[in-house]
C-alpha atoms as a PDB file:
ATOM      1  CA  MET A   1    -141.535 -29.318 -56.725  1.00  0.00           C
ATOM      2  CA  ALA A   2    -141.108 -30.798 -53.280  1.00  0.00           C
ATOM      3  CA  GLN A   3    -142.419 -28.365 -50.736  1.00  0.00           C
ATOM      4  CA  GLU A   4    -139.636 -26.180 -49.444  1.00  0.00           C
ATOM      5  CA  SER A   5    -139.039 -26.337 -45.700  1.00  0.00           C
ATOM      6  CA  ASN A   6    -136.824 -24.855 -43.046  1.00  0.00           C
ATOM      7  CA  TYR A   7    -135.436 -28.276 -42.192  1.00  0.00           C
ATOM      8  CA  GLY A   8    -133.091 -29.156 -44.983  1.00  0.00           C
ATOM      9  CA  ASP A   9    -131.634 -28.722 -48.386  1.00  0.00           C
ATOM     10  CA  ILE A  10    -133.511 -29.258 -51.645  1.00  0.00           C
ATOM     11  CA  ILE A  11    -131.337 -31.199 -54.112  1.00  0.00           C
ATOM     12  CA  LEU A  12    -131.930 -31.753 -57.836  1.00  0.00           C
ATOM     13  CA  LEU A  13    -130.622 -35.019 -59.301  1.00  0.00           C
ATOM     14  CA  CYS A  14    -130.441 -35.064 -63.082  1.00  0.00           C
ATOM     15  CA  GLY A  15    -128.398 -36.310 -65.996  1.00  0.00           C
ATOM     16  CA  ASP A  16    -128.219 -37.855 -69.447  1.00  0.00           C
ATOM     17  CA  LEU A  17    -129.655 -34.748 -71.127  1.00  0.00           C
ATOM     18  CA  HIS A  18    -127.695 -34.945 -74.421  1.00  0.00           C
ATOM     19  CA  ILE A  19    -128.960 -31.477 -75.422  1.00  0.00           C
ATOM     20  CA  GLY A  20    -127.811 -30.559 -78.912  1.00  0.00           C
ATOM     21  CA  THR A  21    -127.186 -34.150 -79.994  1.00  0.00           C
ATOM     22  CA  ARG A  22    -130.108 -36.423 -79.083  1.00  0.00           C
ATOM     23  CA  MET A  23    -132.556 -33.751 -77.870  1.00  0.00           C
ATOM     24  CA  GLN A  24    -132.931 -30.073 -78.712  1.00  0.00           C
ATOM     25  CA  LYS A  25    -134.042 -28.738 -75.325  1.00  0.00           C
ATOM     26  CA  ILE A  26    -135.499 -29.486 -71.909  1.00  0.00           C
ATOM     27  CA  HIS A  27    -139.294 -29.300 -71.807  1.00  0.00           C
ATOM     28  CA  GLU A  28    -140.603 -25.902 -70.606  1.00  0.00           C
ATOM     29  CA  LYS A  29    -142.652 -27.526 -67.815  1.00  0.00           C
ATOM     30  CA  ILE A  30    -139.455 -28.876 -66.284  1.00  0.00           C
ATOM     31  CA  VAL A  31    -137.549 -25.606 -66.666  1.00  0.00           C
ATOM     32  CA  SER A  32    -140.474 -23.725 -65.106  1.00  0.00           C
ATOM     33  CA  ALA A  33    -140.868 -26.198 -62.205  1.00  0.00           C
ATOM     34  CA  LEU A  34    -137.201 -25.893 -61.263  1.00  0.00           C
ATOM     35  CA  GLY A  35    -137.002 -22.119 -61.537  1.00  0.00           C
ATOM     36  CA  VAL A  36    -134.083 -20.291 -59.955  1.00  0.00           C
ATOM     37  CA  ASN A  37    -133.158 -20.016 -56.258  1.00  0.00           C
ATOM     38  CA  LYS A  38    -135.401 -22.924 -55.194  1.00  0.00           C
ATOM     39  CA  LEU A  39    -132.586 -25.470 -55.031  1.00  0.00           C
ATOM     40  CA  GLN A  40    -129.587 -25.583 -52.725  1.00  0.00           C
ATOM     41  CA  HIS A  41    -127.758 -28.251 -54.772  1.00  0.00           C
ATOM     42  CA  VAL A  42    -127.694 -29.666 -58.293  1.00  0.00           C
ATOM     43  CA  LEU A  43    -126.062 -33.069 -58.758  1.00  0.00           C
ATOM     44  CA  CYS A  44    -125.708 -34.011 -62.421  1.00  0.00           C
ATOM     45  CA  THR A  45    -124.618 -37.467 -63.599  1.00  0.00           C
ATOM     46  CA  GLY A  46    -123.145 -36.107 -66.842  1.00  0.00           C
ATOM     47  CA  ASN A  47    -123.825 -36.325 -70.576  1.00  0.00           C
ATOM     48  CA  VAL A  48    -125.188 -32.782 -70.412  1.00  0.00           C
ATOM     49  CA  GLY A  49    -124.741 -31.853 -74.052  1.00  0.00           C
ATOM     50  CA  ASN A  50    -124.185 -28.228 -74.990  1.00  0.00           C
ATOM     51  CA  LYS A  51    -122.594 -25.403 -72.990  1.00  0.00           C
ATOM     52  CA  GLU A  52    -125.862 -23.443 -72.676  1.00  0.00           C
ATOM     53  CA  THR A  53    -127.488 -26.329 -70.794  1.00  0.00           C
ATOM     54  CA  PHE A  54    -124.403 -26.769 -68.620  1.00  0.00           C
ATOM     55  CA  ASP A  55    -124.467 -23.032 -67.765  1.00  0.00           C
ATOM     56  CA  TRP A  56    -128.220 -23.164 -66.997  1.00  0.00           C
ATOM     57  CA  LEU A  57    -127.695 -26.061 -64.556  1.00  0.00           C
ATOM     58  CA  LYS A  58    -124.901 -24.111 -62.864  1.00  0.00           C
ATOM     59  CA  GLN A  59    -127.046 -21.019 -62.380  1.00  0.00           C
ATOM     60  CA  ILE A  60    -130.169 -22.629 -60.859  1.00  0.00           C
ATOM     61  CA  SER A  61    -128.363 -23.470 -57.608  1.00  0.00           C
ATOM     62  CA  PRO A  62    -125.472 -22.077 -55.553  1.00  0.00           C
ATOM     63  CA  ASN A  63    -123.937 -25.589 -55.308  1.00  0.00           C
ATOM     64  CA  PHE A  64    -123.429 -27.369 -58.631  1.00  0.00           C
ATOM     65  CA  HIS A  65    -121.715 -30.741 -58.976  1.00  0.00           C
ATOM     66  CA  CYS A  66    -121.340 -32.603 -62.255  1.00  0.00           C
ATOM     67  CA  VAL A  67    -119.345 -35.669 -63.270  1.00  0.00           C
ATOM     68  CA  ARG A  68    -118.234 -36.672 -66.731  1.00  0.00           C
ATOM     69  CA  GLY A  69    -120.329 -39.058 -68.781  1.00  0.00           C
ATOM     70  CA  GLN A  70    -118.814 -40.961 -71.685  1.00  0.00           C
ATOM     71  CA  TYR A  71    -120.034 -38.244 -74.122  1.00  0.00           C
ATOM     72  CA  ASP A  72    -118.807 -35.213 -72.131  1.00  0.00           C
ATOM     73  CA  ASP A  73    -115.269 -35.098 -73.567  1.00  0.00           C
ATOM     74  CA  GLU A  74    -116.010 -31.803 -75.305  1.00  0.00           C
ATOM     75  CA  ASN A  75    -116.934 -30.002 -72.079  1.00  0.00           C
ATOM     76  CA  ASN A  76    -113.664 -28.937 -70.481  1.00  0.00           C
ATOM     77  CA  GLU A  77    -115.436 -27.771 -67.302  1.00  0.00           C
ATOM     78  CA  ILE A  78    -116.203 -31.347 -66.182  1.00  0.00           C
ATOM     79  CA  HIS A  79    -113.037 -32.863 -64.753  1.00  0.00           C
ATOM     80  CA  ASN A  80    -114.153 -35.697 -62.446  1.00  0.00           C
ATOM     81  CA  ASP A  81    -115.395 -39.176 -63.286  1.00  0.00           C
ATOM     82  CA  GLN A  82    -116.830 -39.462 -59.797  1.00  0.00           C
ATOM     83  CA  LYS A  83    -117.285 -37.191 -56.823  1.00  0.00           C
ATOM     84  CA  VAL A  84    -118.257 -37.533 -53.159  1.00  0.00           C
ATOM     85  CA  ILE A  85    -120.546 -34.811 -51.808  1.00  0.00           C
ATOM     86  CA  GLN A  86    -121.480 -34.371 -48.146  1.00  0.00           C
ATOM     87  CA  ILE A  87    -124.955 -32.908 -47.567  1.00  0.00           C
ATOM     88  CA  GLY A  88    -125.958 -32.880 -43.928  1.00  0.00           C
ATOM     89  CA  ILE A  89    -125.146 -36.301 -42.506  1.00  0.00           C
ATOM     90  CA  TRP A  90    -125.411 -37.982 -45.917  1.00  0.00           C
ATOM     91  CA  LYS A  91    -122.411 -38.880 -48.081  1.00  0.00           C
ATOM     92  CA  ILE A  92    -123.401 -39.115 -51.727  1.00  0.00           C
ATOM     93  CA  LEU A  93    -121.346 -40.741 -54.489  1.00  0.00           C
ATOM     94  CA  LEU A  94    -122.009 -38.976 -57.797  1.00  0.00           C
ATOM     95  CA  ILE A  95    -120.933 -41.030 -60.824  1.00  0.00           C
ATOM     96  CA  HIS A  96    -122.191 -41.341 -64.393  1.00  0.00           C
ATOM     97  CA  GLY A  97    -122.738 -45.097 -64.267  1.00  0.00           C
ATOM     98  CA  HIS A  98    -121.066 -46.375 -67.442  1.00  0.00           C
ATOM     99  CA  GLN A  99    -118.297 -47.548 -65.084  1.00  0.00           C
ATOM    100  CA  PHE A 100    -120.613 -50.230 -63.635  1.00  0.00           C
ATOM    101  CA  VAL A 101    -120.269 -53.557 -65.406  1.00  0.00           C
ATOM    102  CA  PRO A 102    -122.912 -54.807 -65.799  1.00  0.00           C
ATOM    103  CA  TRP A 103    -124.993 -51.606 -65.779  1.00  0.00           C
ATOM    104  CA  ASN A 104    -127.229 -51.039 -62.735  1.00  0.00           C
ATOM    105  CA  ASP A 105    -125.812 -54.124 -60.988  1.00  0.00           C
ATOM    106  CA  GLU A 106    -126.457 -53.680 -57.258  1.00  0.00           C
ATOM    107  CA  GLU A 107    -123.387 -55.610 -56.125  1.00  0.00           C
ATOM    108  CA  THR A 108    -121.087 -53.587 -58.402  1.00  0.00           C
ATOM    109  CA  ILE A 109    -122.598 -50.289 -57.281  1.00  0.00           C
ATOM    110  CA  SER A 110    -122.318 -51.418 -53.661  1.00  0.00           C
ATOM    111  CA  VAL A 111    -118.556 -51.927 -54.119  1.00  0.00           C
ATOM    112  CA  PHE A 112    -118.192 -48.306 -55.326  1.00  0.00           C
ATOM    113  CA  LEU A 113    -120.209 -47.113 -52.315  1.00  0.00           C
ATOM    114  CA  LYS A 114    -118.086 -49.068 -49.840  1.00  0.00           C
ATOM    115  CA  GLU A 115    -114.829 -47.872 -51.435  1.00  0.00           C
ATOM    116  CA  ASN A 116    -115.982 -44.262 -50.967  1.00  0.00           C
ATOM    117  CA  SER A 117    -117.753 -44.758 -47.590  1.00  0.00           C
ATOM    118  CA  CYS A 118    -121.006 -43.343 -49.007  1.00  0.00           C
ATOM    119  CA  ASP A 119    -124.678 -43.788 -48.135  1.00  0.00           C
ATOM    120  CA  ILE A 120    -126.191 -43.065 -51.559  1.00  0.00           C
ATOM    121  CA  ALA A 121    -125.021 -43.661 -55.128  1.00  0.00           C
ATOM    122  CA  VAL A 122    -126.454 -41.197 -57.658  1.00  0.00           C
ATOM    123  CA  PHE A 123    -125.780 -42.419 -61.196  1.00  0.00           C
ATOM    124  CA  GLY A 124    -127.159 -42.336 -64.712  1.00  0.00           C
ATOM    125  CA  ASN A 125    -126.311 -44.008 -68.018  1.00  0.00           C
ATOM    126  CA  SER A 126    -129.394 -46.242 -68.422  1.00  0.00           C
ATOM    127  CA  HIS A 127    -131.787 -43.305 -69.052  1.00  0.00           C
ATOM    128  CA  GLN A 128    -134.297 -45.080 -66.782  1.00  0.00           C
ATOM    129  CA  SER A 129    -135.009 -43.920 -63.236  1.00  0.00           C
ATOM    130  CA  LEU A 130    -134.343 -46.249 -60.325  1.00  0.00           C
ATOM    131  CA  ILE A 131    -134.653 -45.889 -56.569  1.00  0.00           C
ATOM    132  CA  SER A 132    -133.580 -48.948 -54.622  1.00  0.00           C
ATOM    133  CA  LYS A 133    -131.879 -50.177 -51.456  1.00  0.00           C
ATOM    134  CA  PHE A 134    -129.215 -52.858 -51.166  1.00  0.00           C
ATOM    135  CA  GLU A 135    -127.329 -53.776 -47.984  1.00  0.00           C
ATOM    136  CA  ARG A 136    -128.396 -50.560 -46.156  1.00  0.00           C
ATOM    137  CA  LYS A 137    -127.222 -48.373 -49.059  1.00  0.00           C
ATOM    138  CA  TYR A 138    -129.376 -46.484 -51.553  1.00  0.00           C
ATOM    139  CA  PHE A 139    -129.118 -46.284 -55.332  1.00  0.00           C
ATOM    140  CA  ILE A 140    -130.789 -43.444 -57.218  1.00  0.00           C
ATOM    141  CA  ASN A 141    -130.792 -43.055 -60.979  1.00  0.00           C
ATOM    142  CA  PRO A 142    -132.738 -39.891 -61.894  1.00  0.00           C
ATOM    143  CA  GLY A 143    -133.267 -41.023 -65.506  1.00  0.00           C
ATOM    144  CA  THR A 144    -132.920 -38.581 -68.393  1.00  0.00           C
ATOM    145  CA  MET A 145    -134.149 -35.048 -67.759  1.00  0.00           C
ATOM    146  CA  SER A 146    -134.647 -34.384 -71.472  1.00  0.00           C
ATOM    147  CA  GLY A 147    -136.141 -37.717 -72.529  1.00  0.00           C
ATOM    148  CA  ALA A 148    -133.086 -38.555 -74.665  1.00  0.00           C
ATOM    149  CA  TYR A 149    -132.808 -42.103 -75.944  1.00  0.00           C
ATOM    150  CA  GLY A 150    -130.099 -44.337 -74.509  1.00  0.00           C
ATOM    151  CA  SER A 151    -127.314 -46.202 -76.216  1.00  0.00           C
ATOM    152  CA  ILE A 152    -129.157 -49.513 -76.293  1.00  0.00           C
ATOM    153  CA  LYS A 153    -132.846 -48.652 -76.896  1.00  0.00           C
ATOM    154  CA  GLN A 154    -132.651 -45.905 -79.500  1.00  0.00           C
ATOM    155  CA  ASP A 155    -136.195 -46.549 -80.720  1.00  0.00           C
ATOM    156  CA  ALA A 156    -137.782 -46.734 -77.255  1.00  0.00           C
ATOM    157  CA  ILE A 157    -140.049 -43.954 -76.010  1.00  0.00           C
ATOM    158  CA  ILE A 158    -138.277 -42.445 -73.033  1.00  0.00           C
ATOM    159  CA  GLN A 159    -140.075 -39.976 -70.765  1.00  0.00           C
ATOM    160  CA  PRO A 160    -138.183 -37.032 -69.242  1.00  0.00           C
ATOM    161  CA  GLU A 161    -137.432 -37.726 -65.568  1.00  0.00           C
ATOM    162  CA  PHE A 162    -135.548 -36.199 -62.661  1.00  0.00           C
ATOM    163  CA  VAL A 163    -135.429 -36.557 -58.877  1.00  0.00           C
ATOM    164  CA  ILE A 164    -135.646 -34.016 -56.065  1.00  0.00           C
ATOM    165  CA  LEU A 165    -134.275 -34.894 -52.633  1.00  0.00           C
ATOM    166  CA  GLU A 166    -135.328 -33.054 -49.495  1.00  0.00           C
ATOM    167  CA  CYS A 167    -132.693 -33.604 -46.817  1.00  0.00           C
ATOM    168  CA  LEU A 168    -134.298 -33.738 -43.357  1.00  0.00           C
ATOM    169  CA  GLY A 169    -131.550 -34.914 -41.000  1.00  0.00           C
ATOM    170  CA  ASP A 170    -131.464 -38.715 -41.013  1.00  0.00           C
ATOM    171  CA  GLU A 171    -134.418 -38.843 -43.424  1.00  0.00           C
ATOM    172  CA  MET A 172    -134.503 -37.923 -47.073  1.00  0.00           C
ATOM    173  CA  GLY A 173    -137.718 -37.217 -48.965  1.00  0.00           C
ATOM    174  CA  VAL A 174    -137.322 -38.603 -52.502  1.00  0.00           C
ATOM    175  CA  TYR A 175    -139.576 -37.088 -55.192  1.00  0.00           C
ATOM    176  CA  LYS A 176    -139.415 -38.723 -58.622  1.00  0.00           C
ATOM    177  CA  TYR A 177    -140.761 -36.496 -61.388  1.00  0.00           C
ATOM    178  CA  LYS A 178    -141.807 -37.862 -64.767  1.00  0.00           C
ATOM    179  CA  LEU A 179    -143.221 -35.854 -67.670  1.00  0.00           C
ATOM    180  CA  ILE A 180    -146.129 -37.773 -69.220  1.00  0.00           C
ATOM    181  CA  ASN A 181    -148.344 -36.177 -71.883  1.00  0.00           C
ATOM    182  CA  GLY A 182    -147.107 -32.725 -70.899  1.00  0.00           C
ATOM    183  CA  GLU A 183    -147.860 -33.149 -67.173  1.00  0.00           C
ATOM    184  CA  LEU A 184    -145.354 -33.672 -64.362  1.00  0.00           C
ATOM    185  CA  ILE A 185    -146.308 -36.763 -62.356  1.00  0.00           C
ATOM    186  CA  ILE A 186    -144.689 -37.097 -58.907  1.00  0.00           C
ATOM    187  CA  GLU A 187    -143.984 -40.249 -56.908  1.00  0.00           C
ATOM    188  CA  LYS A 188    -142.722 -39.864 -53.341  1.00  0.00           C
ATOM    189  CA  CYS A 189    -140.903 -42.114 -50.917  1.00  0.00           C
ATOM    190  CA  THR A 190    -138.683 -41.628 -47.877  1.00  0.00           C
ATOM    191  CA  ILE A 191    -135.275 -43.112 -47.191  1.00  0.00           C
ATOM    192  CA  THR A 192    -133.587 -43.207 -43.776  1.00  0.00           C
ATOM    193  CA  LYS A 193    -129.985 -43.433 -42.705  1.00  0.00           C
END
């Protein structure tokens, strides 16, 4: 996990788990890496799956935010289709992503960001991670934490992925984790406001 510091909050970005339908569980390496009491925030893009997974996500951080994915109708605890979260000086739009037509379209996502006066859009739906910048705004898709297949590529091999943000004032350390052959591989970049 990103090294903890005294400077800012550690934020888990995750989503598209589909536990109980498309996948049976989250890999133990991921569960172990996240632990409990290491994170200040969990931002989940939805499509969690079963109640046990939802409850686990809620308990690994004091601040849990989750939006509804198109398959979350059964979970009565998720009420919002989108949410704006303020962490430090950053305003983050949390949305599942099936609302973007076409999916992952930067101009469409940018419209949602401008409507909500946000700096970062955190979204899912494609089951593929993405970190990009468009017109001074950032887009982060943490991928699928469980490795669940997506709606379009059901036969594709999808690796479990998630993102950790380390909020350091006007900078944000972005750590993309991917589970490959049982090992967590980390890619790091920095974004600035």
